[in-house]
N, C-alpha and C. Protein backbone atom coordinates (compact mmCIF):
# COMPACT_ATOMS: atom_id res chain seq x y z
N MET A 1 132.79 55.77 113.16
CA MET A 1 133.09 56.81 114.11
C MET A 1 133.87 56.28 115.24
N GLN A 2 133.55 55.12 115.72
CA GLN A 2 134.26 54.54 116.94
C GLN A 2 135.74 54.39 116.51
N LYS A 3 136.07 53.96 115.34
CA LYS A 3 137.45 53.80 114.87
C LYS A 3 138.19 55.10 114.96
N ALA A 4 137.55 56.18 114.54
CA ALA A 4 138.14 57.52 114.63
C ALA A 4 138.40 57.85 116.05
N LYS A 5 137.43 57.66 116.91
CA LYS A 5 137.66 57.94 118.38
C LYS A 5 138.83 57.17 118.95
N GLU A 6 138.95 55.88 118.61
CA GLU A 6 140.04 55.16 119.05
C GLU A 6 141.45 55.67 118.54
N HIS A 7 141.44 56.07 117.30
CA HIS A 7 142.70 56.64 116.73
C HIS A 7 143.10 57.88 117.37
N LEU A 8 142.10 58.84 117.68
CA LEU A 8 142.42 60.06 118.25
C LEU A 8 142.57 59.95 119.79
N GLY A 9 142.18 58.84 120.37
CA GLY A 9 142.36 58.81 121.86
C GLY A 9 143.78 58.67 122.30
N LEU A 10 144.06 59.08 123.56
CA LEU A 10 145.34 58.97 124.10
C LEU A 10 145.62 57.52 124.69
N THR A 11 146.77 57.05 124.41
CA THR A 11 147.13 55.73 125.03
C THR A 11 147.72 56.09 126.46
N ASP A 12 147.78 55.17 127.31
CA ASP A 12 148.43 55.39 128.59
C ASP A 12 149.83 55.95 128.52
N GLN A 13 150.56 55.43 127.52
CA GLN A 13 151.94 55.85 127.25
C GLN A 13 151.96 57.37 126.85
N ASP A 14 150.98 57.71 126.00
CA ASP A 14 150.94 59.16 125.55
C ASP A 14 150.60 60.07 126.76
N SER A 15 149.67 59.57 127.54
CA SER A 15 149.26 60.42 128.65
C SER A 15 150.41 60.59 129.73
N GLU A 16 151.12 59.46 129.95
CA GLU A 16 152.33 59.48 130.77
C GLU A 16 153.30 60.52 130.26
N ALA A 17 153.62 60.41 129.02
CA ALA A 17 154.64 61.29 128.39
C ALA A 17 154.26 62.72 128.59
N VAL A 18 152.96 63.09 128.31
CA VAL A 18 152.64 64.46 128.44
C VAL A 18 152.67 64.92 129.89
N SER A 19 152.30 64.00 130.86
CA SER A 19 152.29 64.42 132.27
C SER A 19 153.76 64.67 132.75
N GLN A 20 154.74 64.17 132.06
CA GLN A 20 156.17 64.36 132.55
C GLN A 20 156.80 65.62 131.95
N LEU A 21 156.06 66.30 131.12
CA LEU A 21 156.60 67.51 130.44
C LEU A 21 156.89 68.60 131.63
N ASP A 22 158.07 69.14 131.57
CA ASP A 22 158.43 70.22 132.42
C ASP A 22 158.24 71.58 131.79
N ILE A 23 157.18 72.34 132.09
CA ILE A 23 156.86 73.58 131.53
C ILE A 23 156.94 74.70 132.58
N ALA A 24 157.75 75.59 132.45
CA ALA A 24 157.83 76.70 133.47
C ALA A 24 156.56 77.50 133.42
N ALA A 25 156.19 77.98 134.62
CA ALA A 25 155.05 78.84 134.66
C ALA A 25 155.35 80.22 134.17
N LYS A 26 154.35 80.78 133.61
CA LYS A 26 154.49 82.20 133.07
C LYS A 26 154.49 83.22 134.17
N ARG A 27 155.58 84.02 134.20
CA ARG A 27 155.63 85.04 135.26
C ARG A 27 155.15 86.33 134.71
N VAL A 28 154.65 87.19 135.59
CA VAL A 28 154.09 88.51 135.25
C VAL A 28 155.22 89.30 134.54
N GLY A 29 154.95 89.84 133.45
CA GLY A 29 155.93 90.64 132.70
C GLY A 29 156.74 89.78 131.73
N ASP A 30 156.65 88.47 131.84
CA ASP A 30 157.47 87.62 131.03
C ASP A 30 156.68 87.43 129.59
N GLU A 31 157.45 87.77 128.51
CA GLU A 31 156.78 87.73 127.29
C GLU A 31 156.65 86.30 126.75
N SER A 32 157.42 85.34 127.17
CA SER A 32 157.29 83.96 126.60
C SER A 32 156.03 83.39 127.05
N CYS A 33 155.59 82.28 126.33
CA CYS A 33 154.40 81.59 126.70
C CYS A 33 154.59 80.12 126.57
N PHE A 34 153.61 79.38 126.96
CA PHE A 34 153.68 77.91 126.83
C PHE A 34 154.07 77.52 125.43
N TYR A 35 153.48 78.09 124.48
CA TYR A 35 153.61 77.71 123.06
C TYR A 35 155.08 77.86 122.68
N GLU A 36 155.67 79.05 122.97
CA GLU A 36 157.02 79.35 122.59
C GLU A 36 157.99 78.36 123.30
N ASP A 37 157.77 78.14 124.55
CA ASP A 37 158.64 77.32 125.42
C ASP A 37 158.50 75.79 124.88
N PHE A 38 157.35 75.33 124.51
CA PHE A 38 157.06 74.04 124.16
C PHE A 38 157.63 73.75 122.69
N ALA A 39 157.25 74.69 121.73
CA ALA A 39 157.58 74.41 120.33
C ALA A 39 158.94 74.93 119.92
N LEU A 40 159.41 75.96 120.45
CA LEU A 40 160.72 76.56 120.05
C LEU A 40 161.92 76.39 120.86
N ARG A 41 161.70 75.75 122.03
CA ARG A 41 162.88 75.59 122.85
C ARG A 41 163.90 74.66 122.13
N GLY A 42 165.15 75.04 122.21
CA GLY A 42 166.14 74.23 121.55
C GLY A 42 166.68 74.77 120.24
N ILE A 43 166.01 75.75 119.65
CA ILE A 43 166.41 76.31 118.40
C ILE A 43 167.64 77.21 118.71
N ARG A 44 168.67 77.11 117.86
CA ARG A 44 169.89 77.82 118.01
C ARG A 44 170.14 78.74 116.73
N VAL A 45 170.32 79.91 116.89
CA VAL A 45 170.61 80.79 115.74
C VAL A 45 172.10 80.76 115.54
N ASP A 46 172.53 80.36 114.27
CA ASP A 46 173.89 80.23 113.96
C ASP A 46 174.50 81.36 113.22
N ARG A 47 173.59 82.03 112.41
CA ARG A 47 174.07 83.10 111.56
C ARG A 47 172.96 83.94 111.17
N VAL A 48 173.24 85.31 111.23
CA VAL A 48 172.17 86.27 110.92
C VAL A 48 172.91 87.37 109.96
N GLU A 49 172.29 87.65 108.84
CA GLU A 49 172.76 88.70 107.96
C GLU A 49 171.50 89.35 107.42
N PRO A 50 171.54 90.53 106.82
CA PRO A 50 170.32 91.05 106.22
C PRO A 50 169.72 90.09 105.24
N GLY A 51 168.51 89.70 105.44
CA GLY A 51 167.81 88.83 104.57
C GLY A 51 168.21 87.40 104.70
N LEU A 52 168.91 86.91 105.64
CA LEU A 52 169.36 85.53 105.81
C LEU A 52 169.46 85.24 107.26
N VAL A 53 168.83 84.07 107.65
CA VAL A 53 168.88 83.54 109.00
C VAL A 53 169.15 82.05 108.89
N VAL A 54 170.13 81.48 109.65
CA VAL A 54 170.46 80.11 109.61
C VAL A 54 170.45 79.66 111.03
N CYS A 55 169.63 78.56 111.26
CA CYS A 55 169.46 78.04 112.65
C CYS A 55 169.72 76.52 112.63
N THR A 56 169.87 76.03 113.78
CA THR A 56 170.05 74.54 114.05
C THR A 56 169.02 74.18 115.05
N PHE A 57 168.40 73.04 114.83
CA PHE A 57 167.36 72.49 115.72
C PHE A 57 167.50 70.97 115.78
N LYS A 58 167.56 70.44 117.00
CA LYS A 58 167.69 69.07 117.27
C LYS A 58 166.25 68.56 117.60
N VAL A 59 165.73 67.61 116.85
CA VAL A 59 164.35 67.09 117.01
C VAL A 59 164.20 66.47 118.41
N PRO A 60 163.33 67.12 119.25
CA PRO A 60 163.04 66.56 120.52
C PRO A 60 161.94 65.65 120.53
N PRO A 61 161.78 64.65 121.45
CA PRO A 61 160.70 63.74 121.55
C PRO A 61 159.38 64.35 121.65
N ARG A 62 159.28 65.59 122.30
CA ARG A 62 158.00 66.16 122.46
C ARG A 62 157.35 66.64 121.16
N LEU A 63 158.13 66.77 120.11
CA LEU A 63 157.62 67.23 118.74
C LEU A 63 157.58 66.13 117.80
N THR A 64 157.44 64.88 118.12
CA THR A 64 157.33 63.77 117.23
C THR A 64 155.92 63.19 117.24
N ASP A 65 155.59 62.48 116.14
CA ASP A 65 154.34 61.77 116.11
C ASP A 65 154.48 60.35 116.71
N ARG A 66 153.40 59.61 116.54
CA ARG A 66 153.49 58.21 117.13
C ARG A 66 154.49 57.35 116.52
N ASP A 67 154.83 57.59 115.28
CA ASP A 67 155.91 56.80 114.57
C ASP A 67 157.27 57.26 114.80
N GLY A 68 157.43 58.33 115.68
CA GLY A 68 158.81 58.85 115.95
C GLY A 68 159.38 59.80 114.96
N ASN A 69 158.46 60.24 114.08
CA ASN A 69 158.95 61.23 113.03
C ASN A 69 158.62 62.67 113.53
N PHE A 70 159.43 63.58 113.14
CA PHE A 70 159.18 64.99 113.42
C PHE A 70 157.84 65.35 112.91
N ALA A 71 156.93 65.81 113.70
CA ALA A 71 155.54 66.13 113.33
C ALA A 71 155.46 67.19 112.38
N SER A 72 154.57 67.05 111.41
CA SER A 72 154.43 68.01 110.28
C SER A 72 153.98 69.33 110.83
N GLY A 73 153.16 69.43 111.89
CA GLY A 73 152.80 70.65 112.48
C GLY A 73 153.94 71.44 113.05
N ALA A 74 154.90 70.69 113.64
CA ALA A 74 156.08 71.27 114.29
C ALA A 74 156.97 71.81 113.15
N ILE A 75 157.03 71.06 112.05
CA ILE A 75 157.79 71.58 110.90
C ILE A 75 157.24 72.81 110.37
N ALA A 76 155.94 72.82 110.18
CA ALA A 76 155.26 74.03 109.73
C ALA A 76 155.52 75.21 110.60
N ASN A 77 155.54 75.01 111.91
CA ASN A 77 155.72 76.09 112.87
C ASN A 77 157.17 76.68 112.72
N LEU A 78 158.12 75.80 112.64
CA LEU A 78 159.53 76.28 112.47
C LEU A 78 159.66 77.04 111.08
N VAL A 79 159.09 76.46 110.03
CA VAL A 79 159.12 77.13 108.69
C VAL A 79 158.53 78.59 108.86
N ASP A 80 157.44 78.67 109.49
CA ASP A 80 156.74 80.01 109.71
C ASP A 80 157.64 80.91 110.58
N VAL A 81 158.11 80.57 111.72
CA VAL A 81 158.89 81.43 112.57
C VAL A 81 160.23 81.78 111.95
N VAL A 82 160.96 80.83 111.48
CA VAL A 82 162.28 81.13 110.85
C VAL A 82 162.08 81.96 109.57
N GLY A 83 161.06 81.62 108.77
CA GLY A 83 160.79 82.35 107.59
C GLY A 83 160.55 83.86 107.83
N ASN A 84 159.73 84.05 108.81
CA ASN A 84 159.36 85.49 109.13
C ASN A 84 160.58 86.19 109.73
N SER A 85 161.51 85.44 110.32
CA SER A 85 162.63 86.18 110.95
C SER A 85 163.58 86.82 109.92
N SER A 86 163.58 86.27 108.80
CA SER A 86 164.50 86.86 107.75
C SER A 86 163.93 88.13 107.13
N VAL A 87 162.70 88.43 107.39
CA VAL A 87 162.16 89.73 106.90
C VAL A 87 161.82 90.72 107.98
N TYR A 88 161.92 90.37 109.20
CA TYR A 88 161.57 91.24 110.31
C TYR A 88 162.58 92.37 110.48
N SER A 89 162.13 93.56 110.68
CA SER A 89 163.02 94.66 110.97
C SER A 89 162.43 95.36 112.20
N LEU A 90 163.35 95.54 113.12
CA LEU A 90 163.03 96.21 114.42
C LEU A 90 162.39 97.56 114.18
N GLY A 91 161.27 97.84 114.78
CA GLY A 91 160.63 99.22 114.67
C GLY A 91 159.67 99.33 113.50
N GLN A 92 159.69 98.34 112.50
CA GLN A 92 158.81 98.50 111.32
C GLN A 92 157.54 97.65 111.63
N THR A 93 156.42 98.20 111.24
CA THR A 93 155.21 97.46 111.41
C THR A 93 155.10 96.36 110.35
N MET A 94 154.45 95.23 110.76
CA MET A 94 154.37 94.15 109.83
C MET A 94 152.85 93.88 109.52
N ASN A 95 152.19 94.86 109.05
CA ASN A 95 150.76 94.64 108.63
C ASN A 95 150.71 93.93 107.28
N VAL A 96 150.59 92.65 107.38
CA VAL A 96 150.73 91.88 106.13
C VAL A 96 149.70 90.72 106.16
N SER A 97 149.45 90.24 104.98
CA SER A 97 148.72 88.95 104.76
C SER A 97 149.81 88.07 104.25
N VAL A 98 149.75 86.79 104.78
CA VAL A 98 150.73 85.77 104.44
C VAL A 98 150.17 84.58 103.76
N ASP A 99 150.81 84.11 102.72
CA ASP A 99 150.50 82.90 102.07
C ASP A 99 151.69 82.01 102.28
N MET A 100 151.56 80.91 102.92
CA MET A 100 152.67 80.00 103.16
C MET A 100 152.42 78.65 102.54
N THR A 101 153.41 78.21 101.81
CA THR A 101 153.29 76.85 101.26
C THR A 101 154.54 76.01 101.75
N ILE A 102 154.29 74.74 102.04
CA ILE A 102 155.38 73.89 102.53
C ILE A 102 155.29 72.59 101.81
N SER A 103 156.45 72.17 101.32
CA SER A 103 156.58 70.83 100.71
C SER A 103 157.28 69.89 101.71
N TYR A 104 156.65 68.87 102.07
CA TYR A 104 157.31 67.83 102.96
C TYR A 104 157.99 66.85 102.12
N ILE A 105 159.21 66.83 102.16
CA ILE A 105 160.06 65.97 101.28
C ILE A 105 160.52 64.68 101.88
N SER A 106 160.95 64.73 103.08
CA SER A 106 161.48 63.51 103.75
C SER A 106 161.19 63.58 105.22
N LYS A 107 161.46 62.57 106.01
CA LYS A 107 161.13 62.52 107.41
C LYS A 107 162.42 62.75 108.29
N ALA A 108 162.24 63.36 109.41
CA ALA A 108 163.31 63.50 110.38
C ALA A 108 162.82 62.70 111.54
N LYS A 109 163.82 62.17 112.32
CA LYS A 109 163.48 61.40 113.51
C LYS A 109 163.99 62.08 114.73
N ILE A 110 163.71 61.53 115.89
CA ILE A 110 164.08 61.99 117.20
C ILE A 110 165.62 62.19 117.11
N ASN A 111 166.07 63.23 117.69
CA ASN A 111 167.55 63.60 117.87
C ASN A 111 168.25 63.88 116.59
N ASP A 112 167.57 63.85 115.40
CA ASP A 112 168.20 64.38 114.17
C ASP A 112 168.44 65.85 114.34
N GLU A 113 169.68 66.27 113.87
CA GLU A 113 170.04 67.72 113.98
C GLU A 113 169.75 68.28 112.61
N LEU A 114 168.92 69.37 112.57
CA LEU A 114 168.45 69.95 111.30
C LEU A 114 169.00 71.36 111.19
N GLU A 115 169.29 71.71 109.93
CA GLU A 115 169.73 73.18 109.71
C GLU A 115 168.48 73.74 108.91
N ILE A 116 168.11 74.95 109.46
CA ILE A 116 166.93 75.67 108.90
C ILE A 116 167.51 77.00 108.36
N THR A 117 167.33 77.15 107.07
CA THR A 117 167.88 78.44 106.41
C THR A 117 166.70 79.18 105.89
N SER A 118 166.59 80.54 106.21
CA SER A 118 165.59 81.26 105.66
C SER A 118 166.25 82.47 104.89
N LYS A 119 165.84 82.64 103.62
CA LYS A 119 166.46 83.62 102.78
C LYS A 119 165.33 84.50 102.16
N ARG A 120 165.47 85.83 102.40
CA ARG A 120 164.56 86.74 101.72
C ARG A 120 164.79 86.71 100.24
N LEU A 121 163.74 86.54 99.44
CA LEU A 121 163.78 86.47 98.01
C LEU A 121 163.76 87.90 97.32
N GLY A 122 163.14 88.78 97.89
CA GLY A 122 163.07 90.06 97.27
C GLY A 122 161.75 90.76 97.56
N GLN A 123 161.69 92.02 97.17
CA GLN A 123 160.52 92.79 97.35
C GLN A 123 160.14 93.48 96.07
N ARG A 124 158.91 93.50 95.72
CA ARG A 124 158.36 94.19 94.59
C ARG A 124 157.12 94.94 95.06
N GLY A 125 157.11 96.20 95.22
CA GLY A 125 155.98 96.95 95.67
C GLY A 125 155.62 96.46 97.06
N ARG A 126 154.38 95.99 97.16
CA ARG A 126 153.81 95.46 98.47
C ARG A 126 154.21 93.99 98.67
N TYR A 127 154.76 93.32 97.74
CA TYR A 127 155.00 91.88 97.88
C TYR A 127 156.49 91.63 98.40
N LEU A 128 156.57 90.77 99.32
CA LEU A 128 157.89 90.28 99.84
C LEU A 128 157.85 88.76 99.93
N GLY A 129 158.87 88.07 99.47
CA GLY A 129 158.89 86.68 99.56
C GLY A 129 160.06 86.19 100.42
N THR A 130 159.99 84.99 100.99
CA THR A 130 161.02 84.31 101.66
C THR A 130 161.04 82.83 101.26
N MET A 131 162.14 82.10 101.36
CA MET A 131 162.28 80.72 101.12
C MET A 131 162.96 80.11 102.30
N VAL A 132 162.46 78.98 102.84
CA VAL A 132 162.97 78.28 103.98
C VAL A 132 163.28 76.91 103.58
N LEU A 133 164.54 76.42 103.81
CA LEU A 133 164.96 75.10 103.53
C LEU A 133 165.34 74.43 104.83
N MET A 134 164.72 73.26 105.12
CA MET A 134 165.09 72.47 106.25
C MET A 134 165.76 71.23 105.84
N ARG A 135 167.01 70.96 106.32
CA ARG A 135 167.72 69.79 105.83
C ARG A 135 168.38 69.08 107.07
N ASN A 136 168.53 67.82 106.89
CA ASN A 136 169.29 67.00 108.01
C ASN A 136 170.80 67.38 107.85
N LYS A 137 171.33 67.73 108.94
CA LYS A 137 172.75 68.13 108.87
C LYS A 137 173.68 66.89 108.60
N ALA A 138 173.37 65.75 109.15
CA ALA A 138 174.27 64.59 109.00
C ALA A 138 174.18 64.01 107.56
N THR A 139 172.96 63.96 107.06
CA THR A 139 172.81 63.30 105.75
C THR A 139 172.65 64.26 104.49
N GLY A 140 172.40 65.49 104.78
CA GLY A 140 172.15 66.52 103.80
C GLY A 140 170.81 66.37 103.14
N GLU A 141 170.00 65.50 103.58
CA GLU A 141 168.67 65.20 103.04
C GLU A 141 167.66 66.36 103.34
N ILE A 142 166.95 66.86 102.35
CA ILE A 142 165.96 67.92 102.50
C ILE A 142 164.80 67.30 103.23
N ILE A 143 164.40 67.95 104.36
CA ILE A 143 163.18 67.57 105.05
C ILE A 143 161.99 68.21 104.63
N ALA A 144 162.15 69.56 104.45
CA ALA A 144 160.93 70.35 104.03
C ALA A 144 161.48 71.59 103.36
N GLU A 145 160.65 72.20 102.48
CA GLU A 145 160.90 73.49 101.76
C GLU A 145 159.67 74.28 101.93
N GLY A 146 159.82 75.53 102.38
CA GLY A 146 158.68 76.42 102.54
C GLY A 146 158.84 77.78 101.91
N ARG A 147 157.80 78.28 101.50
CA ARG A 147 157.81 79.70 100.91
C ARG A 147 156.78 80.56 101.58
N HIS A 148 157.23 81.75 101.93
CA HIS A 148 156.19 82.80 102.38
C HIS A 148 156.08 83.92 101.31
N SER A 149 154.82 84.24 101.11
CA SER A 149 154.54 85.30 100.30
C SER A 149 153.79 86.31 101.16
N LEU A 150 154.41 87.48 101.42
CA LEU A 150 153.84 88.48 102.30
C LEU A 150 153.31 89.62 101.44
N PHE A 151 152.13 90.04 101.71
CA PHE A 151 151.57 91.12 100.96
C PHE A 151 151.21 92.26 101.97
N ARG A 152 151.92 93.28 101.90
CA ARG A 152 151.74 94.44 102.84
C ARG A 152 150.46 95.10 102.50
N SER A 153 149.73 95.58 103.65
CA SER A 153 148.48 96.22 103.52
C SER A 153 148.69 97.70 103.22
N SER A 154 149.81 98.23 103.46
CA SER A 154 150.08 99.62 103.14
C SER A 154 151.62 99.69 102.82
N PHE A 155 151.94 100.67 102.16
CA PHE A 155 153.38 100.84 101.66
C PHE A 155 154.29 101.10 102.86
N VAL A 156 155.38 100.33 102.93
CA VAL A 156 156.37 100.55 103.97
C VAL A 156 157.70 100.56 103.21
N PRO A 157 158.66 101.42 103.56
CA PRO A 157 159.88 101.41 102.84
C PRO A 157 160.53 100.03 102.77
N LYS A 158 161.34 99.83 101.75
CA LYS A 158 162.06 98.59 101.53
C LYS A 158 162.96 98.28 102.73
N LEU A 159 162.96 96.91 103.09
CA LEU A 159 163.81 96.44 104.11
C LEU A 159 165.27 96.44 103.81
């Protein structure tokens, strides 16, 4: 138990790094939140077409683990956000259950520039699927591949 506590405890360096984060205060009426500012700041949308979203993201130090690798939780977050963006339609309700799977294939490091592509796979009745591919732009190496399976709770016209 003591070993687990030591592993989970913050080092002075970790504590100092967190204390230096510059997070803007939430203003009344502002829809952004700490989470969005912390996790999604820096994502750039390069291309949008019906059923396709392509983004670029440079791995910041705030989203890396102790080994300097892009944290798996941050990868999952981007797969989720970018994956859902390829199926979102303004004005349509998204009452769905989501099953998300992610395969972590390679590691990304601080300052690596990643391309994140989300493509809608299709719709059959209440089922809608998307595929997200995250790759290192410099090397072409695949960092992660994710899939969303969305099951609508009620019938909504095709997107």
